[in-house]
Amino acid sequence: MMNLALEEARGCGDDVPIGCIIVKDGQIIARGANQRERRQDPIGHAELIALRQAAEHLGKWRLDGCIIYCTLEPCPMCAEAILQSRVSEVVFGAYDQMYGAMGSAFNLYVKGRPFPLPEVRGGIMQQECRKLVQDFFKRRRAENEGAPK
């Protein structure tokens, strides 16, 4: 499934390549790719797009029994949305030391929260997921260095 999330990430174009897949009962029910630049949408994160699709597909906002696969550790906004939607499990690729909210930069999933915490597994295909983001930013820096000042 992480390979499929990576495929979504590779289709992001000018957006930071982050992809997401949501699975229920072994079937893909939603896909998301970062679309902040494309849509000029500050909340156009891959996870939020996929969560909306999954809710629409199931006809309910409670996504219990679902597994979300993300190429990058979710940020605080996405981590909270995942928690609020009652997703059962989160699987992510690369850790995000700057914005990751599942233990890297922050940890929003601490005991005492009013909702059941999903199981979290990080570092799945970490090298591939990290390389995709690093390559994107290398290209972006190279483009900016060549731009007229």
N, C-alpha and C. Protein backbone atom coordinates (compact mmCIF):
# COMPACT_ATOMS: atom_id res chain seq x y z
N MET A 1 0.83 -1.21 0.00
CA MET A 1 0.00 0.00 0.00
C MET A 1 0.86 1.26 0.00
N MET A 2 2.03 1.19 0.64
CA MET A 2 2.89 2.38 0.65
C MET A 2 3.37 2.69 -0.76
N ASN A 3 3.57 1.67 -1.59
CA ASN A 3 3.92 1.92 -2.99
C ASN A 3 2.83 2.72 -3.69
N LEU A 4 1.58 2.43 -3.39
CA LEU A 4 0.47 3.17 -3.98
C LEU A 4 0.42 4.61 -3.47
N ALA A 5 0.73 4.80 -2.19
CA ALA A 5 0.80 6.15 -1.64
C ALA A 5 1.93 6.93 -2.31
N LEU A 6 3.05 6.25 -2.58
CA LEU A 6 4.15 6.89 -3.29
C LEU A 6 3.74 7.29 -4.72
N GLU A 7 2.95 6.46 -5.38
CA GLU A 7 2.45 6.81 -6.71
C GLU A 7 1.63 8.10 -6.65
N GLU A 8 0.78 8.21 -5.63
CA GLU A 8 0.01 9.45 -5.46
C GLU A 8 0.94 10.63 -5.27
N ALA A 9 1.98 10.45 -4.46
CA ALA A 9 2.92 11.54 -4.19
C ALA A 9 3.65 11.96 -5.46
N ARG A 10 4.00 11.01 -6.31
CA ARG A 10 4.73 11.33 -7.54
C ARG A 10 3.88 12.16 -8.51
N GLY A 11 2.58 12.16 -8.33
CA GLY A 11 1.69 12.92 -9.21
C GLY A 11 1.38 14.31 -8.71
N CYS A 12 2.12 14.80 -7.74
CA CYS A 12 1.81 16.10 -7.13
C CYS A 12 2.24 17.31 -7.96
N GLY A 13 3.05 17.13 -8.98
CA GLY A 13 3.46 18.26 -9.81
C GLY A 13 4.27 19.28 -9.02
N ASP A 14 3.79 20.52 -8.92
CA ASP A 14 4.51 21.60 -8.24
C ASP A 14 4.31 21.59 -6.73
N ASP A 15 3.53 20.66 -6.24
CA ASP A 15 3.30 20.55 -4.79
C ASP A 15 4.34 19.64 -4.15
N VAL A 16 4.59 19.83 -2.87
CA VAL A 16 5.47 18.92 -2.14
C VAL A 16 4.88 17.52 -2.29
N PRO A 17 5.69 16.55 -2.72
CA PRO A 17 5.16 15.22 -3.04
C PRO A 17 4.81 14.39 -1.81
N ILE A 18 3.56 14.49 -1.42
CA ILE A 18 3.05 13.70 -0.30
C ILE A 18 1.79 13.00 -0.79
N GLY A 19 1.76 11.69 -0.59
CA GLY A 19 0.61 10.91 -1.03
C GLY A 19 0.01 10.11 0.10
N CYS A 20 -1.22 9.68 -0.13
CA CYS A 20 -1.98 9.01 0.93
C CYS A 20 -2.97 8.04 0.30
N ILE A 21 -3.17 6.91 0.97
CA ILE A 21 -4.14 5.90 0.58
C ILE A 21 -4.92 5.52 1.84
N ILE A 22 -6.23 5.30 1.73
CA ILE A 22 -7.00 4.79 2.86
C ILE A 22 -7.62 3.46 2.44
N VAL A 23 -7.47 2.48 3.33
CA VAL A 23 -7.90 1.11 3.06
C VAL A 23 -8.89 0.67 4.13
N LYS A 24 -9.93 -0.02 3.70
CA LYS A 24 -10.87 -0.65 4.63
C LYS A 24 -11.14 -2.05 4.12
N ASP A 25 -11.01 -3.02 5.00
CA ASP A 25 -11.25 -4.43 4.65
C ASP A 25 -10.44 -4.85 3.42
N GLY A 26 -9.21 -4.37 3.33
CA GLY A 26 -8.32 -4.75 2.24
C GLY A 26 -8.55 -4.04 0.93
N GLN A 27 -9.53 -3.14 0.87
CA GLN A 27 -9.86 -2.42 -0.37
C GLN A 27 -9.50 -0.93 -0.23
N ILE A 28 -8.92 -0.38 -1.29
CA ILE A 28 -8.63 1.06 -1.29
C ILE A 28 -9.96 1.81 -1.46
N ILE A 29 -10.24 2.69 -0.52
CA ILE A 29 -11.49 3.46 -0.59
C ILE A 29 -11.24 4.94 -0.86
N ALA A 30 -9.97 5.37 -0.74
CA ALA A 30 -9.67 6.79 -0.97
C ALA A 30 -8.19 6.97 -1.28
N ARG A 31 -7.92 8.03 -2.02
CA ARG A 31 -6.56 8.42 -2.38
C ARG A 31 -6.44 9.92 -2.22
N GLY A 32 -5.25 10.36 -1.86
CA GLY A 32 -5.03 11.79 -1.76
C GLY A 32 -3.61 12.14 -2.14
N ALA A 33 -3.44 13.31 -2.71
CA ALA A 33 -2.13 13.86 -3.04
C ALA A 33 -2.14 15.32 -2.64
N ASN A 34 -1.03 15.80 -2.16
CA ASN A 34 -0.91 17.18 -1.75
C ASN A 34 -1.32 18.10 -2.90
N GLN A 35 -2.20 19.06 -2.63
CA GLN A 35 -2.71 19.96 -3.67
C GLN A 35 -2.77 21.42 -3.21
N ARG A 36 -1.92 21.78 -2.29
CA ARG A 36 -1.95 23.15 -1.79
C ARG A 36 -1.65 24.16 -2.88
N GLU A 37 -0.62 23.93 -3.66
CA GLU A 37 -0.25 24.87 -4.73
C GLU A 37 -1.27 24.83 -5.87
N ARG A 38 -1.62 23.62 -6.30
CA ARG A 38 -2.53 23.46 -7.44
C ARG A 38 -3.86 24.14 -7.18
N ARG A 39 -4.39 23.98 -5.97
CA ARG A 39 -5.70 24.54 -5.64
C ARG A 39 -5.62 25.86 -4.88
N GLN A 40 -4.40 26.27 -4.52
CA GLN A 40 -4.21 27.44 -3.65
C GLN A 40 -5.08 27.28 -2.41
N ASP A 41 -4.95 26.10 -1.82
CA ASP A 41 -5.76 25.70 -0.66
C ASP A 41 -4.84 25.40 0.51
N PRO A 42 -4.89 26.21 1.56
CA PRO A 42 -3.98 26.00 2.69
C PRO A 42 -4.19 24.67 3.40
N ILE A 43 -5.35 24.05 3.24
CA ILE A 43 -5.58 22.76 3.88
C ILE A 43 -5.67 21.63 2.84
N GLY A 44 -5.05 21.82 1.69
CA GLY A 44 -5.07 20.82 0.63
C GLY A 44 -4.04 19.72 0.83
N HIS A 45 -3.94 19.23 2.05
CA HIS A 45 -3.00 18.16 2.36
C HIS A 45 -3.56 16.81 1.89
N ALA A 46 -2.66 15.92 1.51
CA ALA A 46 -3.04 14.60 1.00
C ALA A 46 -3.98 13.87 1.96
N GLU A 47 -3.67 13.91 3.25
CA GLU A 47 -4.47 13.18 4.23
C GLU A 47 -5.90 13.72 4.31
N LEU A 48 -6.04 15.04 4.29
CA LEU A 48 -7.37 15.63 4.40
C LEU A 48 -8.21 15.33 3.16
N ILE A 49 -7.58 15.35 2.00
CA ILE A 49 -8.28 15.02 0.76
C ILE A 49 -8.76 13.57 0.82
N ALA A 50 -7.88 12.67 1.26
CA ALA A 50 -8.25 11.26 1.35
C ALA A 50 -9.31 11.01 2.42
N LEU A 51 -9.22 11.69 3.55
CA LEU A 51 -10.24 11.52 4.60
C LEU A 51 -11.62 11.91 4.09
N ARG A 52 -11.70 13.02 3.36
CA ARG A 52 -12.99 13.44 2.79
C ARG A 52 -13.52 12.39 1.82
N GLN A 53 -12.66 11.88 0.96
CA GLN A 53 -13.06 10.85 0.00
C GLN A 53 -13.56 9.60 0.71
N ALA A 54 -12.84 9.18 1.74
CA ALA A 54 -13.21 7.97 2.47
C ALA A 54 -14.58 8.14 3.14
N ALA A 55 -14.80 9.30 3.74
CA ALA A 55 -16.09 9.56 4.38
C ALA A 55 -17.22 9.54 3.35
N GLU A 56 -16.96 10.14 2.20
CA GLU A 56 -17.97 10.14 1.14
C GLU A 56 -18.24 8.71 0.65
N HIS A 57 -17.18 7.95 0.47
CA HIS A 57 -17.31 6.57 0.00
C HIS A 57 -18.13 5.72 0.98
N LEU A 58 -17.85 5.89 2.27
CA LEU A 58 -18.54 5.08 3.29
C LEU A 58 -19.89 5.66 3.69
N GLY A 59 -20.12 6.93 3.37
CA GLY A 59 -21.36 7.58 3.76
C GLY A 59 -21.44 7.90 5.23
N LYS A 60 -20.27 8.04 5.85
CA LYS A 60 -20.22 8.40 7.28
C LYS A 60 -18.85 8.99 7.59
N TRP A 61 -18.79 9.81 8.63
CA TRP A 61 -17.53 10.45 8.97
C TRP A 61 -16.66 9.59 9.86
N ARG A 62 -17.23 8.64 10.53
CA ARG A 62 -16.44 7.74 11.40
C ARG A 62 -15.77 6.69 10.53
N LEU A 63 -14.45 6.72 10.51
CA LEU A 63 -13.69 5.83 9.65
C LEU A 63 -13.04 4.69 10.43
N ASP A 64 -13.76 4.19 11.44
CA ASP A 64 -13.23 3.08 12.22
C ASP A 64 -13.03 1.87 11.30
N GLY A 65 -11.98 1.12 11.56
CA GLY A 65 -11.65 -0.02 10.73
C GLY A 65 -10.81 0.35 9.52
N CYS A 66 -10.53 1.62 9.33
CA CYS A 66 -9.73 2.07 8.19
C CYS A 66 -8.26 2.21 8.58
N ILE A 67 -7.41 1.99 7.59
CA ILE A 67 -5.97 2.19 7.74
C ILE A 67 -5.57 3.28 6.75
N ILE A 68 -4.85 4.28 7.23
CA ILE A 68 -4.37 5.35 6.36
C ILE A 68 -2.86 5.17 6.18
N TYR A 69 -2.43 5.19 4.94
CA TYR A 69 -1.02 5.07 4.57
C TYR A 69 -0.58 6.42 4.02
N CYS A 70 0.42 7.04 4.64
CA CYS A 70 0.91 8.36 4.24
C CYS A 70 2.41 8.26 3.97
N THR A 71 2.89 8.96 2.97
CA THR A 71 4.31 8.92 2.67
C THR A 71 5.15 9.72 3.66
N LEU A 72 4.52 10.66 4.37
CA LEU A 72 5.22 11.49 5.34
C LEU A 72 4.42 11.53 6.64
N GLU A 73 5.11 11.55 7.75
CA GLU A 73 4.46 11.65 9.06
C GLU A 73 3.50 12.84 9.05
N PRO A 74 2.24 12.63 9.40
CA PRO A 74 1.26 13.71 9.36
C PRO A 74 1.62 14.89 10.27
N CYS A 75 1.27 16.08 9.79
CA CYS A 75 1.44 17.32 10.55
C CYS A 75 0.37 17.39 11.65
N PRO A 76 0.42 18.38 12.53
CA PRO A 76 -0.59 18.47 13.59
C PRO A 76 -2.03 18.56 13.07
N MET A 77 -2.24 19.34 12.00
CA MET A 77 -3.59 19.47 11.45
C MET A 77 -4.12 18.11 10.97
N CYS A 78 -3.30 17.40 10.23
CA CYS A 78 -3.72 16.11 9.68
C CYS A 78 -3.82 15.04 10.77
N ALA A 79 -2.89 15.06 11.71
CA ALA A 79 -2.92 14.09 12.80
C ALA A 79 -4.22 14.23 13.61
N GLU A 80 -4.62 15.46 13.86
CA GLU A 80 -5.87 15.68 14.61
C GLU A 80 -7.08 15.26 13.78
N ALA A 81 -7.07 15.57 12.49
CA ALA A 81 -8.19 15.14 11.62
C ALA A 81 -8.29 13.62 11.58
N ILE A 82 -7.16 12.94 11.52
CA ILE A 82 -7.15 11.47 11.53
C ILE A 82 -7.74 10.96 12.84
N LEU A 83 -7.34 11.57 13.94
CA LEU A 83 -7.87 11.17 15.25
C LEU A 83 -9.37 11.43 15.33
N GLN A 84 -9.81 12.61 14.90
CA GLN A 84 -11.22 12.97 14.96
C GLN A 84 -12.08 12.06 14.10
N SER A 85 -11.52 11.55 13.00
CA SER A 85 -12.29 10.69 12.10
C SER A 85 -12.32 9.24 12.55
N ARG A 86 -11.63 8.93 13.64
CA ARG A 86 -11.64 7.59 14.24
C ARG A 86 -10.96 6.53 13.37
N VAL A 87 -9.99 6.92 12.55
CA VAL A 87 -9.20 5.96 11.79
C VAL A 87 -8.55 5.00 12.79
N SER A 88 -8.48 3.73 12.45
CA SER A 88 -7.96 2.72 13.38
C SER A 88 -6.45 2.58 13.38
N GLU A 89 -5.83 2.85 12.22
CA GLU A 89 -4.38 2.66 12.13
C GLU A 89 -3.78 3.67 11.17
N VAL A 90 -2.60 4.17 11.52
CA VAL A 90 -1.84 5.09 10.68
C VAL A 90 -0.50 4.44 10.37
N VAL A 91 -0.17 4.37 9.09
CA VAL A 91 1.12 3.85 8.64
C VAL A 91 1.76 4.96 7.82
N PHE A 92 2.96 5.39 8.21
CA PHE A 92 3.61 6.45 7.44
C PHE A 92 5.04 6.06 7.08
N GLY A 93 5.54 6.74 6.06
CA GLY A 93 6.87 6.45 5.55
C GLY A 93 7.95 7.22 6.29
N ALA A 94 8.24 8.42 5.82
CA ALA A 94 9.33 9.22 6.38
C ALA A 94 8.89 9.97 7.63
N TYR A 95 9.79 10.03 8.59
CA TYR A 95 9.57 10.85 9.77
C TYR A 95 9.80 12.31 9.39
N ASP A 96 9.07 13.22 10.03
CA ASP A 96 9.18 14.65 9.74
C ASP A 96 9.60 15.38 11.01
N GLN A 97 10.90 15.66 11.12
CA GLN A 97 11.44 16.29 12.33
C GLN A 97 10.97 17.72 12.52
N MET A 98 10.47 18.35 11.46
CA MET A 98 10.03 19.74 11.56
C MET A 98 8.55 19.86 11.93
N TYR A 99 7.69 19.04 11.30
CA TYR A 99 6.25 19.18 11.48
C TYR A 99 5.54 17.90 11.92
N GLY A 100 6.22 16.80 12.00
CA GLY A 100 5.59 15.52 12.32
C GLY A 100 4.93 15.53 13.69
N ALA A 101 3.67 15.10 13.74
CA ALA A 101 2.89 15.18 14.98
C ALA A 101 2.57 13.82 15.59
N MET A 102 3.33 12.81 15.18
CA MET A 102 3.11 11.48 15.75
C MET A 102 4.39 10.98 16.43
N GLY A 103 5.11 11.94 17.00
CA GLY A 103 6.28 11.57 17.78
C GLY A 103 7.57 12.26 17.39
N SER A 104 7.67 12.84 16.20
CA SER A 104 8.93 13.47 15.79
C SER A 104 9.06 14.88 16.36
N ALA A 105 8.35 15.83 15.79
CA ALA A 105 8.39 17.20 16.30
C ALA A 105 7.39 17.39 17.45
N PHE A 106 6.26 16.72 17.36
CA PHE A 106 5.18 16.78 18.36
C PHE A 106 4.64 15.37 18.54
N ASN A 107 3.82 15.18 19.57
CA ASN A 107 3.09 13.93 19.69
C ASN A 107 1.68 14.24 20.20
N LEU A 108 0.76 14.29 19.26
CA LEU A 108 -0.63 14.57 19.62
C LEU A 108 -1.35 13.32 20.12
N TYR A 109 -0.75 12.18 19.95
CA TYR A 109 -1.40 10.93 20.32
C TYR A 109 -0.91 10.45 21.69
N VAL A 110 -1.30 11.17 22.70
CA VAL A 110 -0.92 10.83 24.06
C VAL A 110 -2.12 10.28 24.81
N LYS A 111 -1.86 9.46 25.80
CA LYS A 111 -2.95 8.90 26.59
C LYS A 111 -3.75 10.02 27.25
N GLY A 112 -5.03 9.75 27.44
CA GLY A 112 -5.90 10.73 28.06
C GLY A 112 -6.74 11.51 27.06
N ARG A 113 -6.49 11.30 25.78
CA ARG A 113 -7.32 11.96 24.75
C ARG A 113 -8.72 11.35 24.82
N PRO A 114 -9.75 12.13 24.46
CA PRO A 114 -11.11 11.62 24.60
C PRO A 114 -11.53 10.59 23.55
N PHE A 115 -10.72 10.38 22.53
CA PHE A 115 -11.08 9.43 21.48
C PHE A 115 -10.08 8.28 21.48
N PRO A 116 -10.47 7.15 20.93
CA PRO A 116 -9.50 6.04 20.84
C PRO A 116 -8.33 6.44 19.95
N LEU A 117 -7.12 6.14 20.39
CA LEU A 117 -5.94 6.45 19.60
C LEU A 117 -5.71 5.35 18.57
N PRO A 118 -5.40 5.75 17.33
CA PRO A 118 -5.09 4.73 16.33
C PRO A 118 -3.73 4.11 16.61
N GLU A 119 -3.55 2.90 16.13
CA GLU A 119 -2.22 2.29 16.15
C GLU A 119 -1.38 3.07 15.14
N VAL A 120 -0.12 3.34 15.46
CA VAL A 120 0.76 4.11 14.58
C VAL A 120 2.02 3.31 14.30
N ARG A 121 2.35 3.20 13.00
CA ARG A 121 3.61 2.56 12.58
C ARG A 121 4.31 3.50 11.62
N GLY A 122 5.50 3.91 11.97
CA GLY A 122 6.27 4.83 11.12
C GLY A 122 7.51 4.18 10.57
N GLY A 123 8.10 4.83 9.57
CA GLY A 123 9.34 4.36 8.98
C GLY A 123 9.17 3.28 7.92
N ILE A 124 7.95 3.09 7.43
CA ILE A 124 7.69 2.08 6.40
C ILE A 124 8.13 2.65 5.04
N MET A 125 9.06 1.98 4.39
CA MET A 125 9.65 2.46 3.13
C MET A 125 10.19 3.88 3.31
N GLN A 126 10.78 4.10 4.45
CA GLN A 126 11.24 5.43 4.83
C GLN A 126 12.21 6.04 3.81
N GLN A 127 13.17 5.27 3.33
CA GLN A 127 14.17 5.81 2.40
C GLN A 127 13.52 6.33 1.14
N GLU A 128 12.61 5.55 0.54
CA GLU A 128 11.95 5.95 -0.69
C GLU A 128 11.10 7.21 -0.48
N CYS A 129 10.38 7.22 0.63
CA CYS A 129 9.51 8.37 0.92
C CYS A 129 10.34 9.63 1.18
N ARG A 130 11.41 9.50 1.93
CA ARG A 130 12.26 10.65 2.24
C ARG A 130 12.93 11.17 0.98
N LYS A 131 13.43 10.26 0.15
CA LYS A 131 14.14 10.66 -1.07
C LYS A 131 13.23 11.46 -2.00
N LEU A 132 11.99 11.07 -2.10
CA LEU A 132 11.05 11.79 -2.96
C LEU A 132 10.93 13.26 -2.54
N VAL A 133 10.80 13.50 -1.25
CA VAL A 133 10.68 14.87 -0.73
C VAL A 133 12.01 15.61 -0.87
N GLN A 134 13.12 14.95 -0.52
CA GLN A 134 14.42 15.60 -0.64
C GLN A 134 14.72 16.00 -2.08
N ASP A 135 14.44 15.11 -3.03
CA ASP A 135 14.68 15.42 -4.44
C ASP A 135 13.84 16.61 -4.89
N PHE A 136 12.60 16.68 -4.42
CA PHE A 136 11.73 17.80 -4.76
C PHE A 136 12.37 19.12 -4.31
N PHE A 137 12.83 19.16 -3.06
CA PHE A 137 13.40 20.41 -2.55
C PHE A 137 14.76 20.72 -3.18
N LYS A 138 15.53 19.72 -3.58
CA LYS A 138 16.78 19.98 -4.31
C LYS A 138 16.47 20.65 -5.64
N ARG A 139 15.46 20.13 -6.36
CA ARG A 139 15.05 20.75 -7.63
C ARG A 139 14.57 22.18 -7.41
N ARG A 140 13.77 22.37 -6.38
CA ARG A 140 13.22 23.70 -6.09
C ARG A 140 14.35 24.69 -5.78
N ARG A 141 15.34 24.27 -4.98
CA ARG A 141 16.46 25.17 -4.67
C ARG A 141 17.27 25.50 -5.93
N ALA A 142 17.50 24.48 -6.77
CA ALA A 142 18.25 24.71 -8.02
C ALA A 142 17.51 25.69 -8.92
N GLU A 143 16.19 25.55 -9.00
CA GLU A 143 15.39 26.47 -9.82
C GLU A 143 15.48 27.89 -9.25
N ASN A 144 15.43 28.03 -7.95
CA ASN A 144 15.48 29.35 -7.32
C ASN A 144 16.85 30.00 -7.47
N GLU A 145 17.92 29.20 -7.48
CA GLU A 145 19.25 29.75 -7.66
C GLU A 145 19.43 30.31 -9.06
N GLY A 146 18.77 29.71 -10.05
CA GLY A 146 18.88 30.16 -11.44
C GLY A 146 17.91 31.28 -11.79
N ALA A 147 17.01 31.62 -10.88
CA ALA A 147 16.00 32.65 -11.16
C ALA A 147 16.64 34.04 -11.10
N PRO A 148 16.16 34.95 -11.96
CA PRO A 148 16.68 36.33 -11.91
C PRO A 148 16.35 36.98 -10.57
N LYS A 149 17.27 37.81 -10.11
CA LYS A 149 17.07 38.45 -8.80
C LYS A 149 16.69 39.89 -8.95
